[in-house]
Amino acid sequence: HWIATVLARRHGICANIWFPFPNAFFNWLFKKLVRELPEISPFDPEKMTWDILRCLPDCLETAAFAPLRAYLGDDSRDPGWGVKGLQLANRIADTFDQYLLFRPEMVTGWERGEGTHWQAMLWRRLMEGKDPLHRAALARRFLSAVDDPKMTWEGLPERIAVFGISALPPYHMAILNGLSHVMAVNLFVMNPCREFWGDILPDREQVRRS
């Protein structure tokens, strides 16, 4: 609202400007690329919660799921789960959603069959029968498309301006970098620096990685 007010004062009018949050903007952008993208993603945390609850009864018989089986105890009962099971499924769904944003390469590895722990096994079970239209897969498709000279983009604005955000994960930065190949992207950072803050590690972290 403040930006719109200042622009209106300076130019006499402020119109046809959209102020989405990053995830809303990227979802809109992905729909330009994948027309069949549903309005509500099957990988939305609320949707995944119920999918996880449906998968867990069979998965709990597997040895890798022993920690979850011990935690849940007798919470699973016919015809459904108790509060503990629902809360656990919700926490797992939120964690998977964060993985797609902050650790997309790890999730991609799970889909290739890497990992024998319960999280990797549960993710592969969730993926059965689904198109990989989650954030990590959509970002890969988008970044490939922006490098394709034959790709045409319709309905995009002439430029976007990113402001009022203190930090963005590498996932978002990669998409913005790719988007800059087809349109103007302006970043108004709250803490300007010549270096990318994500690459500036404290001494303790530098020693650990060396």
N, C-alpha and C. Protein backbone atom coordinates (compact mmCIF):
# COMPACT_ATOMS: atom_id res chain seq x y z
N HIS A 1 0.83 -1.21 0.00
CA HIS A 1 0.00 0.00 0.00
C HIS A 1 0.87 1.26 0.00
N TRP A 2 1.99 1.20 0.74
CA TRP A 2 2.87 2.37 0.80
C TRP A 2 3.45 2.65 -0.59
N ILE A 3 3.93 1.60 -1.28
CA ILE A 3 4.49 1.79 -2.61
C ILE A 3 3.45 2.35 -3.56
N ALA A 4 2.24 1.81 -3.52
CA ALA A 4 1.19 2.30 -4.41
C ALA A 4 0.87 3.76 -4.13
N THR A 5 0.86 4.14 -2.85
CA THR A 5 0.58 5.54 -2.48
C THR A 5 1.66 6.48 -2.99
N VAL A 6 2.93 6.09 -2.81
CA VAL A 6 4.05 6.93 -3.25
C VAL A 6 4.04 7.07 -4.77
N LEU A 7 3.80 5.98 -5.49
CA LEU A 7 3.74 6.04 -6.95
C LEU A 7 2.62 6.94 -7.42
N ALA A 8 1.47 6.84 -6.75
CA ALA A 8 0.34 7.69 -7.12
C ALA A 8 0.66 9.17 -6.88
N ARG A 9 1.34 9.48 -5.79
CA ARG A 9 1.71 10.87 -5.51
C ARG A 9 2.69 11.39 -6.55
N ARG A 10 3.64 10.54 -6.95
CA ARG A 10 4.67 10.98 -7.87
C ARG A 10 4.16 11.09 -9.30
N HIS A 11 3.33 10.13 -9.73
CA HIS A 11 2.90 10.08 -11.13
C HIS A 11 1.45 10.50 -11.35
N GLY A 12 0.74 10.75 -10.26
CA GLY A 12 -0.67 11.13 -10.39
C GLY A 12 -1.61 9.96 -10.42
N ILE A 13 -1.10 8.75 -10.65
CA ILE A 13 -1.94 7.55 -10.69
C ILE A 13 -1.06 6.32 -10.47
N CYS A 14 -1.64 5.30 -9.91
CA CYS A 14 -0.97 4.01 -9.76
C CYS A 14 -1.99 2.94 -10.12
N ALA A 15 -1.81 2.31 -11.27
CA ALA A 15 -2.78 1.33 -11.74
C ALA A 15 -2.07 0.19 -12.46
N ASN A 16 -2.77 -0.95 -12.56
CA ASN A 16 -2.26 -2.13 -13.27
C ASN A 16 -0.93 -2.62 -12.70
N ILE A 17 -0.80 -2.53 -11.40
CA ILE A 17 0.37 -3.07 -10.71
C ILE A 17 -0.09 -4.18 -9.78
N TRP A 18 0.60 -5.30 -9.83
CA TRP A 18 0.25 -6.47 -9.02
C TRP A 18 1.31 -6.63 -7.95
N PHE A 19 0.88 -6.85 -6.72
CA PHE A 19 1.81 -6.99 -5.60
C PHE A 19 1.70 -8.39 -4.98
N PRO A 20 2.12 -9.43 -5.69
CA PRO A 20 2.02 -10.79 -5.12
C PRO A 20 3.21 -11.12 -4.23
N PHE A 21 3.02 -12.07 -3.34
CA PHE A 21 4.15 -12.65 -2.62
C PHE A 21 4.92 -13.55 -3.58
N PRO A 22 6.19 -13.86 -3.29
CA PRO A 22 7.00 -14.64 -4.24
C PRO A 22 6.35 -15.95 -4.69
N ASN A 23 5.84 -16.75 -3.76
CA ASN A 23 5.29 -18.04 -4.15
C ASN A 23 4.07 -17.88 -5.05
N ALA A 24 3.22 -16.89 -4.77
CA ALA A 24 2.06 -16.65 -5.63
C ALA A 24 2.49 -16.24 -7.03
N PHE A 25 3.52 -15.42 -7.11
CA PHE A 25 4.01 -14.99 -8.42
C PHE A 25 4.61 -16.16 -9.20
N PHE A 26 5.40 -16.99 -8.53
CA PHE A 26 6.02 -18.11 -9.22
C PHE A 26 4.98 -19.14 -9.67
N ASN A 27 3.94 -19.35 -8.85
CA ASN A 27 2.88 -20.26 -9.27
C ASN A 27 2.19 -19.73 -10.53
N TRP A 28 1.96 -18.42 -10.58
CA TRP A 28 1.37 -17.80 -11.77
C TRP A 28 2.30 -17.97 -12.97
N LEU A 29 3.58 -17.84 -12.72
CA LEU A 29 4.57 -17.97 -13.78
C LEU A 29 4.61 -19.41 -14.31
N PHE A 30 4.56 -20.39 -13.40
CA PHE A 30 4.60 -21.79 -13.82
C PHE A 30 3.38 -22.15 -14.67
N LYS A 31 2.25 -21.53 -14.38
CA LYS A 31 1.04 -21.83 -15.16
C LYS A 31 1.17 -21.32 -16.60
N LYS A 32 2.04 -20.35 -16.82
CA LYS A 32 2.32 -19.92 -18.19
C LYS A 32 3.04 -21.02 -18.96
N LEU A 33 3.77 -21.84 -18.23
CA LEU A 33 4.56 -22.90 -18.84
C LEU A 33 3.80 -24.22 -18.88
N VAL A 34 3.12 -24.53 -17.79
CA VAL A 34 2.39 -25.80 -17.68
C VAL A 34 0.91 -25.48 -17.57
N ARG A 35 0.22 -25.54 -18.69
CA ARG A 35 -1.18 -25.13 -18.73
C ARG A 35 -2.07 -26.01 -17.87
N GLU A 36 -1.70 -27.30 -17.74
CA GLU A 36 -2.55 -28.23 -17.00
C GLU A 36 -2.32 -28.17 -15.49
N LEU A 37 -1.52 -27.23 -15.05
CA LEU A 37 -1.23 -27.11 -13.62
C LEU A 37 -2.53 -26.82 -12.86
N PRO A 38 -2.89 -27.64 -11.87
CA PRO A 38 -4.16 -27.42 -11.15
C PRO A 38 -4.10 -26.18 -10.27
N GLU A 39 -5.26 -25.66 -9.95
CA GLU A 39 -5.32 -24.48 -9.08
C GLU A 39 -4.74 -24.79 -7.71
N ILE A 40 -5.07 -25.96 -7.17
CA ILE A 40 -4.51 -26.39 -5.89
C ILE A 40 -3.57 -27.55 -6.17
N SER A 41 -2.31 -27.37 -5.88
CA SER A 41 -1.31 -28.39 -6.16
C SER A 41 -1.53 -29.62 -5.30
N PRO A 42 -1.36 -30.83 -5.87
CA PRO A 42 -1.43 -32.03 -5.04
C PRO A 42 -0.31 -32.10 -4.02
N PHE A 43 0.67 -31.21 -4.15
CA PHE A 43 1.78 -31.15 -3.20
C PHE A 43 1.63 -29.99 -2.23
N ASP A 44 0.45 -29.39 -2.20
CA ASP A 44 0.16 -28.40 -1.18
C ASP A 44 0.17 -29.11 0.18
N PRO A 45 0.77 -28.51 1.22
CA PRO A 45 0.87 -29.19 2.51
C PRO A 45 -0.45 -29.72 3.05
N GLU A 46 -1.53 -28.95 2.90
CA GLU A 46 -2.82 -29.42 3.40
C GLU A 46 -3.29 -30.66 2.66
N LYS A 47 -3.05 -30.70 1.35
CA LYS A 47 -3.42 -31.87 0.56
C LYS A 47 -2.50 -33.04 0.90
N MET A 48 -1.21 -32.78 1.01
CA MET A 48 -0.27 -33.85 1.32
C MET A 48 -0.55 -34.49 2.68
N THR A 49 -1.06 -33.71 3.62
CA THR A 49 -1.35 -34.26 4.95
C THR A 49 -2.26 -35.47 4.85
N TRP A 50 -3.32 -35.34 4.06
CA TRP A 50 -4.28 -36.44 3.94
C TRP A 50 -3.71 -37.59 3.10
N ASP A 51 -2.89 -37.27 2.11
CA ASP A 51 -2.24 -38.33 1.33
C ASP A 51 -1.29 -39.13 2.21
N ILE A 52 -0.58 -38.44 3.10
CA ILE A 52 0.33 -39.12 4.01
C ILE A 52 -0.44 -40.04 4.95
N LEU A 53 -1.57 -39.57 5.46
CA LEU A 53 -2.38 -40.41 6.35
C LEU A 53 -2.85 -41.67 5.64
N ARG A 54 -3.14 -41.56 4.35
CA ARG A 54 -3.58 -42.73 3.60
C ARG A 54 -2.43 -43.72 3.37
N CYS A 55 -1.22 -43.19 3.23
CA CYS A 55 -0.06 -44.05 2.94
C CYS A 55 0.52 -44.70 4.19
N LEU A 56 0.44 -44.05 5.32
CA LEU A 56 1.15 -44.50 6.51
C LEU A 56 0.80 -45.91 6.98
N PRO A 57 -0.48 -46.34 6.98
CA PRO A 57 -0.77 -47.68 7.51
C PRO A 57 0.05 -48.78 6.86
N ASP A 58 0.19 -48.77 5.54
CA ASP A 58 1.00 -49.78 4.86
C ASP A 58 2.49 -49.57 5.12
N CYS A 59 2.91 -48.29 5.13
CA CYS A 59 4.33 -48.00 5.31
C CYS A 59 4.83 -48.41 6.68
N LEU A 60 3.98 -48.32 7.71
CA LEU A 60 4.42 -48.59 9.07
C LEU A 60 4.84 -50.04 9.27
N GLU A 61 4.47 -50.92 8.35
CA GLU A 61 4.88 -52.31 8.45
C GLU A 61 6.33 -52.51 8.02
N THR A 62 6.91 -51.47 7.40
CA THR A 62 8.29 -51.55 6.92
C THR A 62 9.26 -51.20 8.04
N ALA A 63 10.40 -51.89 8.08
CA ALA A 63 11.36 -51.68 9.17
C ALA A 63 11.85 -50.25 9.26
N ALA A 64 12.00 -49.58 8.11
CA ALA A 64 12.51 -48.20 8.12
C ALA A 64 11.58 -47.25 8.87
N PHE A 65 10.32 -47.63 9.00
CA PHE A 65 9.34 -46.76 9.66
C PHE A 65 9.19 -47.07 11.14
N ALA A 66 10.12 -47.83 11.71
CA ALA A 66 10.03 -48.19 13.12
C ALA A 66 9.93 -46.97 14.05
N PRO A 67 10.71 -45.87 13.81
CA PRO A 67 10.57 -44.69 14.69
C PRO A 67 9.16 -44.11 14.69
N LEU A 68 8.53 -44.07 13.52
CA LEU A 68 7.17 -43.54 13.45
C LEU A 68 6.19 -44.49 14.12
N ARG A 69 6.41 -45.80 13.93
CA ARG A 69 5.52 -46.79 14.52
C ARG A 69 5.58 -46.71 16.04
N ALA A 70 6.79 -46.53 16.57
CA ALA A 70 6.95 -46.41 18.01
C ALA A 70 6.33 -45.11 18.53
N TYR A 71 6.48 -44.04 17.78
CA TYR A 71 5.93 -42.75 18.21
C TYR A 71 4.41 -42.78 18.24
N LEU A 72 3.81 -43.36 17.21
CA LEU A 72 2.35 -43.35 17.09
C LEU A 72 1.68 -44.30 18.08
N GLY A 73 2.35 -45.39 18.40
CA GLY A 73 1.77 -46.34 19.34
C GLY A 73 0.44 -46.86 18.84
N ASP A 74 -0.58 -46.75 19.66
CA ASP A 74 -1.92 -47.22 19.27
C ASP A 74 -2.79 -46.10 18.73
N ASP A 75 -2.13 -45.03 18.22
CA ASP A 75 -2.92 -43.89 17.73
C ASP A 75 -3.71 -44.24 16.47
N SER A 76 -3.24 -45.22 15.70
CA SER A 76 -3.96 -45.64 14.50
C SER A 76 -5.05 -46.61 14.90
N ARG A 77 -6.27 -46.27 14.56
CA ARG A 77 -7.38 -47.14 14.92
C ARG A 77 -8.45 -47.03 13.84
N ASP A 78 -9.19 -48.06 13.66
CA ASP A 78 -10.25 -48.10 12.68
C ASP A 78 -11.40 -47.23 13.17
N PRO A 79 -11.95 -46.31 12.34
CA PRO A 79 -11.72 -46.18 10.91
C PRO A 79 -10.68 -45.13 10.53
N GLY A 80 -9.96 -44.57 11.48
CA GLY A 80 -9.02 -43.51 11.10
C GLY A 80 -7.97 -43.30 12.16
N TRP A 81 -7.32 -42.14 12.04
CA TRP A 81 -6.22 -41.80 12.94
C TRP A 81 -6.71 -40.94 14.09
N GLY A 82 -5.93 -40.96 15.16
CA GLY A 82 -6.16 -40.06 16.26
C GLY A 82 -5.46 -38.73 16.03
N VAL A 83 -5.48 -37.90 17.04
CA VAL A 83 -4.89 -36.57 16.93
C VAL A 83 -3.39 -36.65 16.66
N LYS A 84 -2.71 -37.57 17.32
CA LYS A 84 -1.26 -37.68 17.16
C LYS A 84 -0.89 -37.99 15.71
N GLY A 85 -1.63 -38.91 15.08
CA GLY A 85 -1.35 -39.25 13.69
C GLY A 85 -1.58 -38.09 12.75
N LEU A 86 -2.66 -37.35 12.99
CA LEU A 86 -2.95 -36.19 12.15
C LEU A 86 -1.89 -35.11 12.31
N GLN A 87 -1.47 -34.86 13.54
CA GLN A 87 -0.43 -33.86 13.77
C GLN A 87 0.89 -34.28 13.14
N LEU A 88 1.23 -35.55 13.22
CA LEU A 88 2.46 -36.04 12.62
C LEU A 88 2.42 -35.89 11.10
N ALA A 89 1.30 -36.27 10.48
CA ALA A 89 1.18 -36.15 9.02
C ALA A 89 1.28 -34.70 8.59
N ASN A 90 0.70 -33.81 9.37
CA ASN A 90 0.77 -32.39 9.05
C ASN A 90 2.19 -31.87 9.15
N ARG A 91 2.93 -32.31 10.16
CA ARG A 91 4.33 -31.88 10.32
C ARG A 91 5.19 -32.44 9.18
N ILE A 92 4.96 -33.68 8.79
CA ILE A 92 5.73 -34.27 7.69
C ILE A 92 5.43 -33.52 6.39
N ALA A 93 4.16 -33.20 6.15
CA ALA A 93 3.79 -32.48 4.93
C ALA A 93 4.46 -31.12 4.88
N ASP A 94 4.48 -30.41 5.99
CA ASP A 94 5.16 -29.10 6.03
C ASP A 94 6.66 -29.26 5.79
N THR A 95 7.25 -30.31 6.35
CA THR A 95 8.68 -30.54 6.15
C THR A 95 8.98 -30.85 4.69
N PHE A 96 8.17 -31.70 4.06
CA PHE A 96 8.36 -32.00 2.65
C PHE A 96 8.23 -30.73 1.80
N ASP A 97 7.29 -29.86 2.16
CA ASP A 97 7.12 -28.61 1.42
C ASP A 97 8.36 -27.74 1.54
N GLN A 98 8.97 -27.73 2.72
CA GLN A 98 10.20 -26.97 2.91
C GLN A 98 11.36 -27.60 2.14
N TYR A 99 11.39 -28.92 2.07
CA TYR A 99 12.42 -29.59 1.29
C TYR A 99 12.34 -29.18 -0.18
N LEU A 100 11.12 -29.11 -0.72
CA LEU A 100 10.95 -28.73 -2.13
C LEU A 100 11.49 -27.34 -2.39
N LEU A 101 11.44 -26.48 -1.37
CA LEU A 101 11.90 -25.11 -1.52
C LEU A 101 13.39 -24.96 -1.24
N PHE A 102 13.86 -25.60 -0.18
CA PHE A 102 15.25 -25.38 0.26
C PHE A 102 16.19 -26.53 -0.10
N ARG A 103 15.67 -27.73 -0.36
CA ARG A 103 16.52 -28.86 -0.70
C ARG A 103 15.97 -29.61 -1.91
N PRO A 104 15.70 -28.91 -3.02
CA PRO A 104 15.09 -29.59 -4.17
C PRO A 104 15.94 -30.71 -4.74
N GLU A 105 17.29 -30.57 -4.68
CA GLU A 105 18.15 -31.61 -5.22
C GLU A 105 18.04 -32.90 -4.42
N MET A 106 17.77 -32.79 -3.13
CA MET A 106 17.60 -33.98 -2.30
C MET A 106 16.34 -34.73 -2.67
N VAL A 107 15.24 -33.98 -2.86
CA VAL A 107 13.97 -34.60 -3.25
C VAL A 107 14.10 -35.25 -4.63
N THR A 108 14.79 -34.58 -5.53
CA THR A 108 15.01 -35.16 -6.86
C THR A 108 15.77 -36.48 -6.76
N GLY A 109 16.74 -36.54 -5.85
CA GLY A 109 17.48 -37.78 -5.64
C GLY A 109 16.58 -38.88 -5.11
N TRP A 110 15.68 -38.54 -4.20
CA TRP A 110 14.73 -39.54 -3.70
C TRP A 110 13.92 -40.13 -4.85
N GLU A 111 13.49 -39.28 -5.77
CA GLU A 111 12.67 -39.75 -6.87
C GLU A 111 13.45 -40.66 -7.81
N ARG A 112 14.77 -40.53 -7.82
CA ARG A 112 15.61 -41.42 -8.63
C ARG A 112 15.92 -42.72 -7.90
N GLY A 113 15.42 -42.85 -6.68
CA GLY A 113 15.63 -44.08 -5.92
C GLY A 113 16.67 -43.97 -4.84
N GLU A 114 17.25 -42.79 -4.66
CA GLU A 114 18.26 -42.62 -3.61
C GLU A 114 17.58 -42.56 -2.24
N GLY A 115 18.27 -43.05 -1.23
CA GLY A 115 17.76 -42.97 0.13
C GLY A 115 16.91 -44.17 0.50
N THR A 116 17.24 -44.79 1.63
CA THR A 116 16.46 -45.93 2.11
C THR A 116 15.81 -45.63 3.46
N HIS A 117 15.89 -44.39 3.92
CA HIS A 117 15.25 -44.01 5.17
C HIS A 117 13.76 -43.75 4.94
N TRP A 118 13.02 -43.58 6.01
CA TRP A 118 11.56 -43.52 5.88
C TRP A 118 11.08 -42.30 5.12
N GLN A 119 11.78 -41.17 5.22
CA GLN A 119 11.32 -39.98 4.50
C GLN A 119 11.39 -40.20 2.99
N ALA A 120 12.52 -40.75 2.51
CA ALA A 120 12.66 -41.01 1.08
C ALA A 120 11.63 -42.03 0.61
N MET A 121 11.41 -43.07 1.40
CA MET A 121 10.46 -44.11 1.03
C MET A 121 9.03 -43.56 1.01
N LEU A 122 8.70 -42.74 1.98
CA LEU A 122 7.36 -42.15 2.03
C LEU A 122 7.14 -41.20 0.85
N TRP A 123 8.17 -40.43 0.51
CA TRP A 123 8.04 -39.51 -0.63
C TRP A 123 7.79 -40.28 -1.93
N ARG A 124 8.54 -41.37 -2.12
CA ARG A 124 8.32 -42.16 -3.33
C ARG A 124 6.91 -42.77 -3.35
N ARG A 125 6.42 -43.13 -2.19
CA ARG A 125 5.05 -43.66 -2.11
C ARG A 125 4.04 -42.57 -2.47
N LEU A 126 4.28 -41.36 -2.00
CA LEU A 126 3.38 -40.24 -2.32
C LEU A 126 3.39 -39.92 -3.81
N MET A 127 4.52 -40.15 -4.46
CA MET A 127 4.67 -39.82 -5.88
C MET A 127 4.01 -40.84 -6.80
N GLU A 128 3.65 -42.00 -6.28
CA GLU A 128 3.09 -43.05 -7.13
C GLU A 128 1.80 -42.56 -7.80
N GLY A 129 1.76 -42.65 -9.12
CA GLY A 129 0.57 -42.27 -9.87
C GLY A 129 0.38 -40.78 -10.04
N LYS A 130 1.37 -39.97 -9.65
CA LYS A 130 1.24 -38.52 -9.76
C LYS A 130 2.26 -37.98 -10.75
N ASP A 131 1.86 -36.93 -11.46
CA ASP A 131 2.83 -36.20 -12.27
C ASP A 131 3.71 -35.37 -11.33
N PRO A 132 5.00 -35.28 -11.60
CA PRO A 132 5.87 -34.49 -10.72
C PRO A 132 5.69 -32.99 -10.97
N LEU A 133 4.59 -32.47 -10.49
CA LEU A 133 4.30 -31.05 -10.69
C LEU A 133 4.50 -30.27 -9.38
N HIS A 134 5.50 -30.68 -8.62
CA HIS A 134 5.81 -29.96 -7.40
C HIS A 134 6.81 -28.84 -7.71
N ARG A 135 7.15 -28.06 -6.70
CA ARG A 135 7.99 -26.87 -6.90
C ARG A 135 9.34 -27.19 -7.53
N ALA A 136 9.98 -28.24 -7.04
CA ALA A 136 11.31 -28.57 -7.54
C ALA A 136 11.27 -28.92 -9.03
N ALA A 137 10.30 -29.75 -9.43
CA ALA A 137 10.19 -30.16 -10.84
C ALA A 137 9.79 -28.99 -11.72
N LEU A 138 8.88 -28.15 -11.23
CA LEU A 138 8.44 -26.99 -12.02
C LEU A 138 9.59 -26.01 -12.22
N ALA A 139 10.42 -25.83 -11.22
CA ALA A 139 11.57 -24.93 -11.36
C ALA A 139 12.53 -25.46 -12.42
N ARG A 140 12.77 -26.78 -12.43
CA ARG A 140 13.65 -27.35 -13.46
C ARG A 140 13.08 -27.12 -14.85
N ARG A 141 11.79 -27.35 -15.01
CA ARG A 141 11.17 -27.16 -16.33
C ARG A 141 11.24 -25.71 -16.76
N PHE A 142 11.01 -24.80 -15.80
CA PHE A 142 11.04 -23.38 -16.13
C PHE A 142 12.44 -22.95 -16.55
N LEU A 143 13.46 -23.36 -15.80
CA LEU A 143 14.82 -22.95 -16.11
C LEU A 143 15.28 -23.52 -17.45
N SER A 144 14.79 -24.69 -17.81
CA SER A 144 15.10 -25.24 -19.14
C SER A 144 14.40 -24.45 -20.22
N ALA A 145 13.17 -24.02 -19.95
CA ALA A 145 12.39 -23.29 -20.95
C ALA A 145 12.97 -21.92 -21.25
N VAL A 146 13.44 -21.21 -20.23
CA VAL A 146 13.97 -19.86 -20.46
C VAL A 146 15.26 -19.88 -21.27
N ASP A 147 15.93 -21.04 -21.29
CA ASP A 147 17.15 -21.17 -22.09
C ASP A 147 16.86 -21.68 -23.50
N ASP A 148 15.60 -21.95 -23.80
CA ASP A 148 15.21 -22.44 -25.13
C ASP A 148 14.86 -21.25 -26.02
N PRO A 149 15.64 -20.95 -27.05
CA PRO A 149 15.35 -19.79 -27.90
C PRO A 149 14.04 -19.92 -28.67
N LYS A 150 13.51 -21.13 -28.79
CA LYS A 150 12.26 -21.33 -29.51
C LYS A 150 11.03 -21.09 -28.63
N MET A 151 11.26 -20.97 -27.35
CA MET A 151 10.15 -20.79 -26.42
C MET A 151 9.62 -19.37 -26.50
N THR A 152 8.30 -19.23 -26.61
CA THR A 152 7.68 -17.90 -26.63
C THR A 152 6.89 -17.71 -25.34
N TRP A 153 7.01 -16.53 -24.80
CA TRP A 153 6.33 -16.22 -23.54
C TRP A 153 5.30 -15.12 -23.80
N GLU A 154 4.06 -15.40 -23.50
CA GLU A 154 2.98 -14.44 -23.72
C GLU A 154 2.38 -14.04 -22.37
N GLY A 155 1.98 -12.79 -22.29
CA GLY A 155 1.30 -12.32 -21.10
C GLY A 155 2.20 -11.96 -19.94
N LEU A 156 3.51 -11.91 -20.18
CA LEU A 156 4.41 -11.51 -19.10
C LEU A 156 4.51 -9.99 -19.04
N PRO A 157 4.69 -9.43 -17.85
CA PRO A 157 4.92 -7.98 -17.76
C PRO A 157 6.27 -7.61 -18.34
N GLU A 158 6.46 -6.35 -18.61
CA GLU A 158 7.74 -5.90 -19.15
C GLU A 158 8.85 -6.03 -18.12
N ARG A 159 8.52 -5.87 -16.88
CA ARG A 159 9.52 -5.98 -15.83
C ARG A 159 8.84 -6.28 -14.51
N ILE A 160 9.62 -6.78 -13.57
CA ILE A 160 9.14 -6.98 -12.20
C ILE A 160 10.15 -6.33 -11.25
N ALA A 161 9.66 -5.95 -10.09
CA ALA A 161 10.51 -5.37 -9.06
C ALA A 161 10.30 -6.14 -7.77
N VAL A 162 11.38 -6.62 -7.19
CA VAL A 162 11.32 -7.38 -5.94
C VAL A 162 11.75 -6.44 -4.82
N PHE A 163 10.86 -6.24 -3.86
CA PHE A 163 11.17 -5.30 -2.78
C PHE A 163 10.49 -5.75 -1.50
N GLY A 164 10.96 -5.22 -0.38
CA GLY A 164 10.34 -5.49 0.92
C GLY A 164 10.58 -6.89 1.43
N ILE A 165 11.55 -7.61 0.87
CA ILE A 165 11.84 -8.98 1.30
C ILE A 165 13.27 -9.02 1.82
N SER A 166 13.44 -9.47 3.05
CA SER A 166 14.77 -9.43 3.67
C SER A 166 15.69 -10.52 3.15
N ALA A 167 15.13 -11.66 2.72
CA ALA A 167 15.97 -12.76 2.23
C ALA A 167 15.15 -13.66 1.31
N LEU A 168 15.82 -14.25 0.34
CA LEU A 168 15.19 -15.21 -0.56
C LEU A 168 16.07 -16.46 -0.63
N PRO A 169 15.47 -17.65 -0.65
CA PRO A 169 16.27 -18.88 -0.75
C PRO A 169 16.87 -19.02 -2.15
N PRO A 170 17.90 -19.84 -2.31
CA PRO A 170 18.50 -20.06 -3.64
C PRO A 170 17.47 -20.48 -4.69
N TYR A 171 16.44 -21.22 -4.29
CA TYR A 171 15.38 -21.64 -5.21
C TYR A 171 14.77 -20.43 -5.91
N HIS A 172 14.37 -19.43 -5.13
CA HIS A 172 13.76 -18.22 -5.69
C HIS A 172 14.76 -17.42 -6.51
N MET A 173 16.01 -17.35 -6.03
CA MET A 173 17.01 -16.58 -6.75
C MET A 173 17.31 -17.21 -8.11
N ALA A 174 17.31 -18.54 -8.18
CA ALA A 174 17.55 -19.21 -9.45
C ALA A 174 16.45 -18.91 -10.45
N ILE A 175 15.21 -18.90 -9.99
CA ILE A 175 14.09 -18.61 -10.90
C ILE A 175 14.15 -17.16 -11.36
N LEU A 176 14.44 -16.25 -10.45
CA LEU A 176 14.55 -14.84 -10.84
C LEU A 176 15.68 -14.64 -11.83
N ASN A 177 16.78 -15.34 -11.64
CA ASN A 177 17.89 -15.25 -12.57
C ASN A 177 17.47 -15.76 -13.95
N GLY A 178 16.76 -16.88 -13.97
CA GLY A 178 16.27 -17.39 -15.25
C GLY A 178 15.27 -16.45 -15.89
N LEU A 179 14.41 -15.87 -15.07
CA LEU A 179 13.41 -14.94 -15.59
C LEU A 179 14.06 -13.71 -16.20
N SER A 180 15.23 -13.33 -15.69
CA SER A 180 15.91 -12.14 -16.22
C SER A 180 16.37 -12.34 -17.66
N HIS A 181 16.34 -13.59 -18.17
CA HIS A 181 16.70 -13.84 -19.56
C HIS A 181 15.61 -13.40 -20.53
N VAL A 182 14.39 -13.25 -20.01
CA VAL A 182 13.27 -12.92 -20.89
C VAL A 182 12.59 -11.61 -20.53
N MET A 183 12.96 -11.01 -19.40
CA MET A 183 12.36 -9.74 -19.00
C MET A 183 13.27 -9.05 -17.99
N ALA A 184 12.97 -7.80 -17.71
CA ALA A 184 13.77 -7.04 -16.75
C ALA A 184 13.36 -7.41 -15.33
N VAL A 185 14.35 -7.70 -14.50
CA VAL A 185 14.12 -8.04 -13.10
C VAL A 185 14.94 -7.08 -12.24
N ASN A 186 14.28 -6.34 -11.38
CA ASN A 186 14.95 -5.39 -10.49
C ASN A 186 14.81 -5.85 -9.04
N LEU A 187 15.94 -5.94 -8.35
CA LEU A 187 15.93 -6.32 -6.94
C LEU A 187 16.24 -5.09 -6.09
N PHE A 188 15.34 -4.77 -5.18
CA PHE A 188 15.57 -3.69 -4.23
C PHE A 188 15.82 -4.33 -2.87
N VAL A 189 17.09 -4.51 -2.54
CA VAL A 189 17.44 -5.27 -1.35
C VAL A 189 17.50 -4.36 -0.14
N MET A 190 17.09 -4.91 1.00
CA MET A 190 17.04 -4.12 2.22
C MET A 190 18.42 -3.97 2.85
N ASN A 191 19.33 -4.89 2.55
CA ASN A 191 20.68 -4.85 3.09
C ASN A 191 21.65 -5.04 1.93
N PRO A 192 21.89 -3.98 1.15
CA PRO A 192 22.72 -4.13 -0.05
C PRO A 192 24.14 -4.54 0.27
N CYS A 193 24.68 -5.40 -0.57
CA CYS A 193 26.04 -5.89 -0.40
C CYS A 193 26.54 -6.38 -1.74
N ARG A 194 27.84 -6.23 -2.01
CA ARG A 194 28.41 -6.71 -3.27
C ARG A 194 28.36 -8.23 -3.35
N GLU A 195 28.38 -8.90 -2.20
CA GLU A 195 28.41 -10.36 -2.16
C GLU A 195 27.01 -10.89 -1.84
N PHE A 196 26.77 -12.14 -2.24
CA PHE A 196 25.54 -12.82 -1.89
C PHE A 196 25.65 -13.30 -0.45
N TRP A 197 24.72 -12.84 0.41
CA TRP A 197 24.83 -13.15 1.83
C TRP A 197 24.83 -14.65 2.08
N GLY A 198 24.16 -15.41 1.21
CA GLY A 198 24.13 -16.86 1.40
C GLY A 198 25.49 -17.50 1.23
N ASP A 199 26.43 -16.80 0.57
CA ASP A 199 27.78 -17.33 0.38
C ASP A 199 28.77 -16.86 1.44
N ILE A 200 28.31 -15.97 2.29
CA ILE A 200 29.19 -15.45 3.34
C ILE A 200 28.97 -16.28 4.59
N LEU A 201 29.93 -17.15 4.90
CA LEU A 201 29.78 -18.08 6.01
C LEU A 201 30.59 -17.61 7.22
N PRO A 202 30.09 -17.86 8.41
CA PRO A 202 30.89 -17.53 9.60
C PRO A 202 32.13 -18.42 9.66
N ASP A 203 33.13 -17.99 10.44
CA ASP A 203 34.40 -18.71 10.52
C ASP A 203 34.20 -20.16 10.92
N ARG A 204 33.30 -20.42 11.87
CA ARG A 204 33.09 -21.79 12.33
C ARG A 204 32.59 -22.67 11.20
N GLU A 205 31.67 -22.13 10.36
CA GLU A 205 31.13 -22.91 9.25
C GLU A 205 32.18 -23.14 8.18
N GLN A 206 33.05 -22.13 7.94
CA GLN A 206 34.12 -22.29 6.96
C GLN A 206 35.08 -23.40 7.39
N VAL A 207 35.42 -23.45 8.69
CA VAL A 207 36.31 -24.50 9.19
C VAL A 207 35.65 -25.86 9.05
N ARG A 208 34.36 -25.94 9.34
CA ARG A 208 33.67 -27.23 9.26
C ARG A 208 33.65 -27.77 7.83
N ARG A 209 33.52 -26.87 6.86
CA ARG A 209 33.43 -27.30 5.47
C ARG A 209 34.80 -27.53 4.83
N SER A 210 35.86 -27.03 5.44
CA SER A 210 37.19 -27.17 4.85
C SER A 210 37.76 -28.58 5.10
